[in-house]
Amino acid sequence: MSILSKKQRLFLKKMSHHLKPVVMVGQAGLNNNIMHEVDITLEKHELIKIKVTGTDKSERTSMTASIAEQSNASLIHQIGHMSILYRQSKKNPQIALP
């Protein structure tokens, strides 16, 4: 997980505004399939939204932190059930950070 500046986080937050959630975590919680999907999606898109449902605020926060840590991604923003993650692609970087 790379350390991003406040300017970079704001830049990524603005870029993510139009994105729809591509990974959804339900009541069953995290499992290997979800983590695999997050990894593949981050490699392809670099910036993704995740929707975590069916839990209270503290569980969503810890689950999102766990997803970010396990996928080696930076948590850009979290509000309600939505979280934004960023990880630069190893094979095909697309987003140029300021």
PDB file of N, CA and C in Angstrom:
ATOM      1  N   MET A   1       0.851  -1.169   0.000  1.00  0.00           N
ATOM      2  CA  MET A   1       0.000   0.000   0.000  1.00  0.00           C
ATOM      3  C   MET A   1       0.898   1.233   0.000  1.00  0.00           C
ATOM      4  N   SER A   2       0.696   2.089  -0.957  1.00  0.00           N
ATOM      5  CA  SER A   2       1.502   3.300  -1.053  1.00  0.00           C
ATOM      6  C   SER A   2       0.869   4.422  -0.237  1.00  0.00           C
ATOM      7  N   ILE A   3       1.708   5.337   0.189  1.00  0.00           N
ATOM      8  CA  ILE A   3       1.237   6.499   0.923  1.00  0.00           C
ATOM      9  C   ILE A   3       0.884   7.584  -0.092  1.00  0.00           C
ATOM     10  N   LEU A   4      -0.345   8.034  -0.049  1.00  0.00           N
ATOM     11  CA  LEU A   4      -0.804   9.056  -0.983  1.00  0.00           C
ATOM     12  C   LEU A   4      -0.937  10.382  -0.260  1.00  0.00           C
ATOM     13  N   SER A   5      -0.625  11.452  -0.967  1.00  0.00           N
ATOM     14  CA  SER A   5      -0.777  12.788  -0.400  1.00  0.00           C
ATOM     15  C   SER A   5      -2.262  13.174  -0.393  1.00  0.00           C
ATOM     16  N   LYS A   6      -2.574  14.224   0.341  1.00  0.00           N
ATOM     17  CA  LYS A   6      -3.952  14.704   0.396  1.00  0.00           C
ATOM     18  C   LYS A   6      -4.418  15.127  -1.000  1.00  0.00           C
ATOM     19  N   LYS A   7      -3.524  15.759  -1.757  1.00  0.00           N
ATOM     20  CA  LYS A   7      -3.850  16.194  -3.117  1.00  0.00           C
ATOM     21  C   LYS A   7      -4.183  14.993  -4.008  1.00  0.00           C
ATOM     22  N   GLN A   8      -3.415  13.920  -3.879  1.00  0.00           N
ATOM     23  CA  GLN A   8      -3.663  12.720  -4.671  1.00  0.00           C
ATOM     24  C   GLN A   8      -4.979  12.064  -4.268  1.00  0.00           C
ATOM     25  N   ARG A   9      -5.268  12.023  -2.972  1.00  0.00           N
ATOM     26  CA  ARG A   9      -6.531  11.441  -2.509  1.00  0.00           C
ATOM     27  C   ARG A   9      -7.728  12.226  -3.038  1.00  0.00           C
ATOM     28  N   LEU A  10      -7.639  13.550  -3.000  1.00  0.00           N
ATOM     29  CA  LEU A  10      -8.720  14.380  -3.533  1.00  0.00           C
ATOM     30  C   LEU A  10      -8.895  14.172  -5.032  1.00  0.00           C
ATOM     31  N   PHE A  11      -7.785  14.062  -5.752  1.00  0.00           N
ATOM     32  CA  PHE A  11      -7.811  13.804  -7.191  1.00  0.00           C
ATOM     33  C   PHE A  11      -8.537  12.488  -7.480  1.00  0.00           C
ATOM     34  N   LEU A  12      -8.189  11.430  -6.738  1.00  0.00           N
ATOM     35  CA  LEU A  12      -8.807  10.120  -6.937  1.00  0.00           C
ATOM     36  C   LEU A  12     -10.276  10.125  -6.509  1.00  0.00           C
ATOM     37  N   LYS A  13     -10.584  10.856  -5.459  1.00  0.00           N
ATOM     38  CA  LYS A  13     -11.972  10.946  -5.003  1.00  0.00           C
ATOM     39  C   LYS A  13     -12.839  11.587  -6.074  1.00  0.00           C
ATOM     40  N   LYS A  14     -12.330  12.650  -6.702  1.00  0.00           N
ATOM     41  CA  LYS A  14     -13.061  13.307  -7.791  1.00  0.00           C
ATOM     42  C   LYS A  14     -13.235  12.362  -8.978  1.00  0.00           C
ATOM     43  N   MET A  15     -12.180  11.617  -9.306  1.00  0.00           N
ATOM     44  CA  MET A  15     -12.261  10.670 -10.431  1.00  0.00           C
ATOM     45  C   MET A  15     -13.294   9.579 -10.189  1.00  0.00           C
ATOM     46  N   SER A  16     -13.484   9.210  -8.930  1.00  0.00           N
ATOM     47  CA  SER A  16     -14.369   8.089  -8.608  1.00  0.00           C
ATOM     48  C   SER A  16     -15.835   8.479  -8.518  1.00  0.00           C
ATOM     49  N   HIS A  17     -16.126   9.764  -8.579  1.00  0.00           N
ATOM     50  CA  HIS A  17     -17.497  10.230  -8.362  1.00  0.00           C
ATOM     51  C   HIS A  17     -18.510   9.531  -9.274  1.00  0.00           C
ATOM     52  N   HIS A  18     -18.187   9.337 -10.527  1.00  0.00           N
ATOM     53  CA  HIS A  18     -19.135   8.753 -11.484  1.00  0.00           C
ATOM     54  C   HIS A  18     -19.137   7.218 -11.472  1.00  0.00           C
ATOM     55  N   LEU A  19     -18.228   6.596 -10.761  1.00  0.00           N
ATOM     56  CA  LEU A  19     -18.121   5.140 -10.767  1.00  0.00           C
ATOM     57  C   LEU A  19     -19.280   4.473 -10.037  1.00  0.00           C
ATOM     58  N   LYS A  20     -19.648   3.319 -10.510  1.00  0.00           N
ATOM     59  CA  LYS A  20     -20.633   2.474  -9.847  1.00  0.00           C
ATOM     60  C   LYS A  20     -19.869   1.396  -9.079  1.00  0.00           C
ATOM     61  N   PRO A  21     -20.444   0.873  -7.996  1.00  0.00           N
ATOM     62  CA  PRO A  21     -19.752  -0.194  -7.262  1.00  0.00           C
ATOM     63  C   PRO A  21     -19.603  -1.438  -8.134  1.00  0.00           C
ATOM     64  N   VAL A  22     -18.388  -1.978  -8.162  1.00  0.00           N
ATOM     65  CA  VAL A  22     -18.130  -3.152  -8.990  1.00  0.00           C
ATOM     66  C   VAL A  22     -17.998  -4.423  -8.160  1.00  0.00           C
ATOM     67  N   VAL A  23     -17.780  -4.271  -6.862  1.00  0.00           N
ATOM     68  CA  VAL A  23     -17.723  -5.412  -5.955  1.00  0.00           C
ATOM     69  C   VAL A  23     -18.689  -5.126  -4.821  1.00  0.00           C
ATOM     70  N   MET A  24     -19.502  -6.134  -4.478  1.00  0.00           N
ATOM     71  CA  MET A  24     -20.464  -5.973  -3.398  1.00  0.00           C
ATOM     72  C   MET A  24     -20.237  -7.072  -2.363  1.00  0.00           C
ATOM     73  N   VAL A  25     -20.135  -6.652  -1.110  1.00  0.00           N
ATOM     74  CA  VAL A  25     -19.949  -7.584  -0.004  1.00  0.00           C
ATOM     75  C   VAL A  25     -21.257  -7.614   0.763  1.00  0.00           C
ATOM     76  N   GLY A  26     -21.855  -8.794   0.856  1.00  0.00           N
ATOM     77  CA  GLY A  26     -23.145  -8.927   1.515  1.00  0.00           C
ATOM     78  C   GLY A  26     -23.030  -9.447   2.930  1.00  0.00           C
ATOM     79  N   GLN A  27     -24.112 -10.017   3.413  1.00  0.00           N
ATOM     80  CA  GLN A  27     -24.178 -10.507   4.782  1.00  0.00           C
ATOM     81  C   GLN A  27     -23.224 -11.659   5.039  1.00  0.00           C
ATOM     82  N   ALA A  28     -22.845 -12.381   4.004  1.00  0.00           N
ATOM     83  CA  ALA A  28     -21.925 -13.506   4.177  1.00  0.00           C
ATOM     84  C   ALA A  28     -20.518 -13.028   4.539  1.00  0.00           C
ATOM     85  N   GLY A  29     -20.234 -11.760   4.297  1.00  0.00           N
ATOM     86  CA  GLY A  29     -18.934 -11.200   4.667  1.00  0.00           C
ATOM     87  C   GLY A  29     -17.855 -11.494   3.633  1.00  0.00           C
ATOM     88  N   LEU A  30     -16.619 -11.325   4.072  1.00  0.00           N
ATOM     89  CA  LEU A  30     -15.476 -11.532   3.183  1.00  0.00           C
ATOM     90  C   LEU A  30     -15.178 -13.004   3.015  1.00  0.00           C
ATOM     91  N   ASN A  31     -14.779 -13.361   1.818  1.00  0.00           N
ATOM     92  CA  ASN A  31     -14.285 -14.706   1.561  1.00  0.00           C
ATOM     93  C   ASN A  31     -13.256 -14.627   0.442  1.00  0.00           C
ATOM     94  N   ASN A  32     -12.665 -15.747   0.106  1.00  0.00           N
ATOM     95  CA  ASN A  32     -11.617 -15.761  -0.919  1.00  0.00           C
ATOM     96  C   ASN A  32     -12.115 -15.309  -2.282  1.00  0.00           C
ATOM     97  N   ASN A  33     -13.346 -15.636  -2.614  1.00  0.00           N
ATOM     98  CA  ASN A  33     -13.898 -15.234  -3.912  1.00  0.00           C
ATOM     99  C   ASN A  33     -14.007 -13.716  -4.025  1.00  0.00           C
ATOM    100  N   ILE A  34     -14.456 -13.076  -2.970  1.00  0.00           N
ATOM    101  CA  ILE A  34     -14.571 -11.617  -2.984  1.00  0.00           C
ATOM    102  C   ILE A  34     -13.192 -10.982  -3.083  1.00  0.00           C
ATOM    103  N   MET A  35     -12.245 -11.485  -2.308  1.00  0.00           N
ATOM    104  CA  MET A  35     -10.890 -10.924  -2.344  1.00  0.00           C
ATOM    105  C   MET A  35     -10.257 -11.128  -3.723  1.00  0.00           C
ATOM    106  N   HIS A  36     -10.520 -12.258  -4.347  1.00  0.00           N
ATOM    107  CA  HIS A  36     -10.010 -12.511  -5.697  1.00  0.00           C
ATOM    108  C   HIS A  36     -10.611 -11.517  -6.688  1.00  0.00           C
ATOM    109  N   GLU A  37     -11.909 -11.269  -6.560  1.00  0.00           N
ATOM    110  CA  GLU A  37     -12.598 -10.315  -7.442  1.00  0.00           C
ATOM    111  C   GLU A  37     -12.052  -8.903  -7.246  1.00  0.00           C
ATOM    112  N   VAL A  38     -11.815  -8.512  -5.991  1.00  0.00           N
ATOM    113  CA  VAL A  38     -11.243  -7.192  -5.698  1.00  0.00           C
ATOM    114  C   VAL A  38      -9.863  -7.072  -6.343  1.00  0.00           C
ATOM    115  N   ASP A  39      -9.052  -8.099  -6.208  1.00  0.00           N
ATOM    116  CA  ASP A  39      -7.695  -8.084  -6.771  1.00  0.00           C
ATOM    117  C   ASP A  39      -7.717  -7.944  -8.292  1.00  0.00           C
ATOM    118  N   ILE A  40      -8.560  -8.722  -8.947  1.00  0.00           N
ATOM    119  CA  ILE A  40      -8.662  -8.669 -10.412  1.00  0.00           C
ATOM    120  C   ILE A  40      -9.176  -7.297 -10.863  1.00  0.00           C
ATOM    121  N   THR A  41     -10.193  -6.791 -10.181  1.00  0.00           N
ATOM    122  CA  THR A  41     -10.792  -5.514 -10.560  1.00  0.00           C
ATOM    123  C   THR A  41      -9.830  -4.353 -10.340  1.00  0.00           C
ATOM    124  N   LEU A  42      -9.083  -4.379  -9.244  1.00  0.00           N
ATOM    125  CA  LEU A  42      -8.090  -3.331  -9.006  1.00  0.00           C
ATOM    126  C   LEU A  42      -6.992  -3.359 -10.065  1.00  0.00           C
ATOM    127  N   GLU A  43      -6.561  -4.540 -10.448  1.00  0.00           N
ATOM    128  CA  GLU A  43      -5.516  -4.641 -11.470  1.00  0.00           C
ATOM    129  C   GLU A  43      -5.991  -4.079 -12.804  1.00  0.00           C
ATOM    130  N   LYS A  44      -7.263  -4.284 -13.105  1.00  0.00           N
ATOM    131  CA  LYS A  44      -7.801  -3.814 -14.383  1.00  0.00           C
ATOM    132  C   LYS A  44      -8.144  -2.327 -14.366  1.00  0.00           C
ATOM    133  N   HIS A  45      -8.798  -1.857 -13.287  1.00  0.00           N
ATOM    134  CA  HIS A  45      -9.332  -0.490 -13.260  1.00  0.00           C
ATOM    135  C   HIS A  45      -8.553   0.483 -12.379  1.00  0.00           C
ATOM    136  N   GLU A  46      -7.773  -0.010 -11.435  1.00  0.00           N
ATOM    137  CA  GLU A  46      -6.979   0.761 -10.480  1.00  0.00           C
ATOM    138  C   GLU A  46      -7.819   1.491  -9.431  1.00  0.00           C
ATOM    139  N   LEU A  47      -8.931   2.067  -9.812  1.00  0.00           N
ATOM    140  CA  LEU A  47      -9.793   2.822  -8.901  1.00  0.00           C
ATOM    141  C   LEU A  47     -11.183   2.195  -8.939  1.00  0.00           C
ATOM    142  N   ILE A  48     -11.641   1.702  -7.785  1.00  0.00           N
ATOM    143  CA  ILE A  48     -12.938   1.014  -7.746  1.00  0.00           C
ATOM    144  C   ILE A  48     -13.753   1.456  -6.538  1.00  0.00           C
ATOM    145  N   LYS A  49     -15.061   1.247  -6.671  1.00  0.00           N
ATOM    146  CA  LYS A  49     -15.980   1.433  -5.552  1.00  0.00           C
ATOM    147  C   LYS A  49     -16.444   0.053  -5.101  1.00  0.00           C
ATOM    148  N   ILE A  50     -16.542  -0.095  -3.786  1.00  0.00           N
ATOM    149  CA  ILE A  50     -17.028  -1.333  -3.185  1.00  0.00           C
ATOM    150  C   ILE A  50     -18.228  -0.980  -2.321  1.00  0.00           C
ATOM    151  N   LYS A  51     -19.251  -1.813  -2.369  1.00  0.00           N
ATOM    152  CA  LYS A  51     -20.426  -1.615  -1.525  1.00  0.00           C
ATOM    153  C   LYS A  51     -20.471  -2.743  -0.495  1.00  0.00           C
ATOM    154  N   VAL A  52     -20.453  -2.358   0.780  1.00  0.00           N
ATOM    155  CA  VAL A  52     -20.515  -3.321   1.876  1.00  0.00           C
ATOM    156  C   VAL A  52     -21.867  -3.148   2.554  1.00  0.00           C
ATOM    157  N   THR A  53     -22.691  -4.196   2.508  1.00  0.00           N
ATOM    158  CA  THR A  53     -24.043  -4.112   3.074  1.00  0.00           C
ATOM    159  C   THR A  53     -24.241  -5.143   4.178  1.00  0.00           C
ATOM    160  N   GLY A  54     -25.328  -4.974   4.898  1.00  0.00           N
ATOM    161  CA  GLY A  54     -25.746  -5.984   5.861  1.00  0.00           C
ATOM    162  C   GLY A  54     -25.012  -5.969   7.185  1.00  0.00           C
ATOM    163  N   THR A  55     -24.249  -4.928   7.473  1.00  0.00           N
ATOM    164  CA  THR A  55     -23.543  -4.868   8.746  1.00  0.00           C
ATOM    165  C   THR A  55     -23.676  -3.476   9.346  1.00  0.00           C
ATOM    166  N   ASP A  56     -23.259  -3.350  10.611  1.00  0.00           N
ATOM    167  CA  ASP A  56     -23.293  -2.020  11.224  1.00  0.00           C
ATOM    168  C   ASP A  56     -22.027  -1.247  10.849  1.00  0.00           C
ATOM    169  N   LYS A  57     -21.972   0.005  11.258  1.00  0.00           N
ATOM    170  CA  LYS A  57     -20.906   0.913  10.832  1.00  0.00           C
ATOM    171  C   LYS A  57     -19.515   0.404  11.212  1.00  0.00           C
ATOM    172  N   SER A  58     -19.338  -0.069  12.431  1.00  0.00           N
ATOM    173  CA  SER A  58     -18.014  -0.522  12.863  1.00  0.00           C
ATOM    174  C   SER A  58     -17.561  -1.757  12.085  1.00  0.00           C
ATOM    175  N   GLU A  59     -18.491  -2.668  11.800  1.00  0.00           N
ATOM    176  CA  GLU A  59     -18.148  -3.850  11.005  1.00  0.00           C
ATOM    177  C   GLU A  59     -17.787  -3.466   9.575  1.00  0.00           C
ATOM    178  N   ARG A  60     -18.530  -2.515   8.983  1.00  0.00           N
ATOM    179  CA  ARG A  60     -18.218  -2.058   7.624  1.00  0.00           C
ATOM    180  C   ARG A  60     -16.832  -1.425   7.578  1.00  0.00           C
ATOM    181  N   THR A  61     -16.520  -0.629   8.597  1.00  0.00           N
ATOM    182  CA  THR A  61     -15.220   0.029   8.648  1.00  0.00           C
ATOM    183  C   THR A  61     -14.096  -0.991   8.749  1.00  0.00           C
ATOM    184  N   SER A  62     -14.243  -1.975   9.628  1.00  0.00           N
ATOM    185  CA  SER A  62     -13.186  -2.984   9.776  1.00  0.00           C
ATOM    186  C   SER A  62     -13.100  -3.889   8.550  1.00  0.00           C
ATOM    187  N   MET A  63     -14.244  -4.201   7.945  1.00  0.00           N
ATOM    188  CA  MET A  63     -14.236  -5.038   6.748  1.00  0.00           C
ATOM    189  C   MET A  63     -13.556  -4.309   5.592  1.00  0.00           C
ATOM    190  N   THR A  64     -13.842  -3.022   5.434  1.00  0.00           N
ATOM    191  CA  THR A  64     -13.229  -2.230   4.374  1.00  0.00           C
ATOM    192  C   THR A  64     -11.727  -2.109   4.599  1.00  0.00           C
ATOM    193  N   ALA A  65     -11.323  -1.889   5.834  1.00  0.00           N
ATOM    194  CA  ALA A  65      -9.893  -1.810   6.159  1.00  0.00           C
ATOM    195  C   ALA A  65      -9.199  -3.138   5.853  1.00  0.00           C
ATOM    196  N   SER A  66      -9.868  -4.231   6.150  1.00  0.00           N
ATOM    197  CA  SER A  66      -9.317  -5.559   5.874  1.00  0.00           C
ATOM    198  C   SER A  66      -9.174  -5.795   4.371  1.00  0.00           C
ATOM    199  N   ILE A  67     -10.172  -5.382   3.604  1.00  0.00           N
ATOM    200  CA  ILE A  67     -10.101  -5.518   2.146  1.00  0.00           C
ATOM    201  C   ILE A  67      -8.924  -4.720   1.602  1.00  0.00           C
ATOM    202  N   ALA A  68      -8.772  -3.485   2.066  1.00  0.00           N
ATOM    203  CA  ALA A  68      -7.675  -2.631   1.600  1.00  0.00           C
ATOM    204  C   ALA A  68      -6.325  -3.246   1.956  1.00  0.00           C
ATOM    205  N   GLU A  69      -6.212  -3.747   3.173  1.00  0.00           N
ATOM    206  CA  GLU A  69      -4.941  -4.336   3.609  1.00  0.00           C
ATOM    207  C   GLU A  69      -4.612  -5.609   2.827  1.00  0.00           C
ATOM    208  N   GLN A  70      -5.585  -6.495   2.697  1.00  0.00           N
ATOM    209  CA  GLN A  70      -5.347  -7.762   2.011  1.00  0.00           C
ATOM    210  C   GLN A  70      -5.064  -7.578   0.520  1.00  0.00           C
ATOM    211  N   SER A  71      -5.642  -6.537  -0.082  1.00  0.00           N
ATOM    212  CA  SER A  71      -5.435  -6.304  -1.512  1.00  0.00           C
ATOM    213  C   SER A  71      -4.285  -5.339  -1.773  1.00  0.00           C
ATOM    214  N   ASN A  72      -3.645  -4.861  -0.698  1.00  0.00           N
ATOM    215  CA  ASN A  72      -2.523  -3.923  -0.825  1.00  0.00           C
ATOM    216  C   ASN A  72      -2.953  -2.646  -1.552  1.00  0.00           C
ATOM    217  N   ALA A  73      -4.155  -2.176  -1.227  1.00  0.00           N
ATOM    218  CA  ALA A  73      -4.721  -0.977  -1.860  1.00  0.00           C
ATOM    219  C   ALA A  73      -4.822   0.149  -0.840  1.00  0.00           C
ATOM    220  N   SER A  74      -4.970   1.357  -1.344  1.00  0.00           N
ATOM    221  CA  SER A  74      -5.169   2.522  -0.491  1.00  0.00           C
ATOM    222  C   SER A  74      -6.656   2.814  -0.401  1.00  0.00           C
ATOM    223  N   LEU A  75      -7.141   3.007   0.822  1.00  0.00           N
ATOM    224  CA  LEU A  75      -8.524   3.404   1.025  1.00  0.00           C
ATOM    225  C   LEU A  75      -8.594   4.909   0.814  1.00  0.00           C
ATOM    226  N   ILE A  76      -9.287   5.328  -0.227  1.00  0.00           N
ATOM    227  CA  ILE A  76      -9.378   6.743  -0.580  1.00  0.00           C
ATOM    228  C   ILE A  76     -10.468   7.440   0.221  1.00  0.00           C
ATOM    229  N   HIS A  77     -11.623   6.783   0.327  1.00  0.00           N
ATOM    230  CA  HIS A  77     -12.753   7.412   1.027  1.00  0.00           C
ATOM    231  C   HIS A  77     -13.762   6.335   1.383  1.00  0.00           C
ATOM    232  N   GLN A  78     -14.437   6.543   2.502  1.00  0.00           N
ATOM    233  CA  GLN A  78     -15.515   5.640   2.897  1.00  0.00           C
ATOM    234  C   GLN A  78     -16.644   6.474   3.460  1.00  0.00           C
ATOM    235  N   ILE A  79     -17.833   6.260   2.929  1.00  0.00           N
ATOM    236  CA  ILE A  79     -19.021   6.941   3.444  1.00  0.00           C
ATOM    237  C   ILE A  79     -20.201   5.981   3.329  1.00  0.00           C
ATOM    238  N   GLY A  80     -20.863   5.769   4.430  1.00  0.00           N
ATOM    239  CA  GLY A  80     -21.987   4.837   4.444  1.00  0.00           C
ATOM    240  C   GLY A  80     -21.548   3.444   4.044  1.00  0.00           C
ATOM    241  N   HIS A  81     -22.225   2.895   3.058  1.00  0.00           N
ATOM    242  CA  HIS A  81     -21.921   1.544   2.586  1.00  0.00           C
ATOM    243  C   HIS A  81     -20.882   1.529   1.466  1.00  0.00           C
ATOM    244  N   MET A  82     -20.484   2.692   0.982  1.00  0.00           N
ATOM    245  CA  MET A  82     -19.568   2.785  -0.161  1.00  0.00           C
ATOM    246  C   MET A  82     -18.137   3.093   0.275  1.00  0.00           C
ATOM    247  N   SER A  83     -17.199   2.424  -0.384  1.00  0.00           N
ATOM    248  CA  SER A  83     -15.777   2.662  -0.155  1.00  0.00           C
ATOM    249  C   SER A  83     -15.079   2.764  -1.498  1.00  0.00           C
ATOM    250  N   ILE A  84     -14.043   3.591  -1.541  1.00  0.00           N
ATOM    251  CA  ILE A  84     -13.258   3.775  -2.763  1.00  0.00           C
ATOM    252  C   ILE A  84     -11.848   3.280  -2.486  1.00  0.00           C
ATOM    253  N   LEU A  85     -11.358   2.382  -3.345  1.00  0.00           N
ATOM    254  CA  LEU A  85     -10.007   1.838  -3.216  1.00  0.00           C
ATOM    255  C   LEU A  85      -9.193   2.146  -4.460  1.00  0.00           C
ATOM    256  N   TYR A  86      -7.890   2.333  -4.253  1.00  0.00           N
ATOM    257  CA  TYR A  86      -6.979   2.587  -5.365  1.00  0.00           C
ATOM    258  C   TYR A  86      -5.727   1.731  -5.190  1.00  0.00           C
ATOM    259  N   ARG A  87      -5.297   1.127  -6.286  1.00  0.00           N
ATOM    260  CA  ARG A  87      -4.015   0.434  -6.344  1.00  0.00           C
ATOM    261  C   ARG A  87      -3.524   0.526  -7.777  1.00  0.00           C
ATOM    262  N   GLN A  88      -2.316   1.025  -7.940  1.00  0.00           N
ATOM    263  CA  GLN A  88      -1.762   1.159  -9.283  1.00  0.00           C
ATOM    264  C   GLN A  88      -1.564  -0.219  -9.902  1.00  0.00           C
ATOM    265  N   SER A  89      -1.929  -0.348 -11.153  1.00  0.00           N
ATOM    266  CA  SER A  89      -1.781  -1.595 -11.879  1.00  0.00           C
ATOM    267  C   SER A  89      -0.309  -1.910 -12.090  1.00  0.00           C
ATOM    268  N   LYS A  90       0.046  -3.177 -11.931  1.00  0.00           N
ATOM    269  CA  LYS A  90       1.437  -3.602 -12.145  1.00  0.00           C
ATOM    270  C   LYS A  90       1.748  -3.738 -13.635  1.00  0.00           C
ATOM    271  N   LYS A  91       0.752  -4.156 -14.416  1.00  0.00           N
ATOM    272  CA  LYS A  91       0.980  -4.431 -15.837  1.00  0.00           C
ATOM    273  C   LYS A  91       0.641  -3.249 -16.741  1.00  0.00           C
ATOM    274  N   ASN A  92      -0.420  -2.506 -16.393  1.00  0.00           N
ATOM    275  CA  ASN A  92      -0.908  -1.466 -17.288  1.00  0.00           C
ATOM    276  C   ASN A  92      -1.403  -0.234 -16.511  1.00  0.00           C
ATOM    277  N   PRO A  93      -0.491   0.570 -15.925  1.00  0.00           N
ATOM    278  CA  PRO A  93      -0.942   1.749 -15.175  1.00  0.00           C
ATOM    279  C   PRO A  93      -1.684   2.722 -16.077  1.00  0.00           C
ATOM    280  N   GLN A  94      -2.862   3.191 -15.621  1.00  0.00           N
ATOM    281  CA  GLN A  94      -3.696   4.074 -16.429  1.00  0.00           C
ATOM    282  C   GLN A  94      -3.864   5.455 -15.802  1.00  0.00           C
ATOM    283  N   ILE A  95      -3.802   5.533 -14.487  1.00  0.00           N
ATOM    284  CA  ILE A  95      -4.050   6.799 -13.794  1.00  0.00           C
ATOM    285  C   ILE A  95      -2.715   7.446 -13.425  1.00  0.00           C
ATOM    286  N   ALA A  96      -2.538   8.675 -13.921  1.00  0.00           N
ATOM    287  CA  ALA A  96      -1.344   9.446 -13.576  1.00  0.00           C
ATOM    288  C   ALA A  96      -1.670  10.377 -12.427  1.00  0.00           C
ATOM    289  N   LEU A  97      -1.088  10.087 -11.269  1.00  0.00           N
ATOM    290  CA  LEU A  97      -1.356  10.910 -10.087  1.00  0.00           C
ATOM    291  C   LEU A  97      -0.596  12.220 -10.151  1.00  0.00           C
ATOM    292  N   PRO A  98      -1.203  13.289  -9.630  1.00  0.00           N
ATOM    293  CA  PRO A  98      -0.514  14.585  -9.618  1.00  0.00           C
ATOM    294  C   PRO A  98       0.646  14.589  -8.632  1.00  0.00           C
TER     295      PRO A  98
END
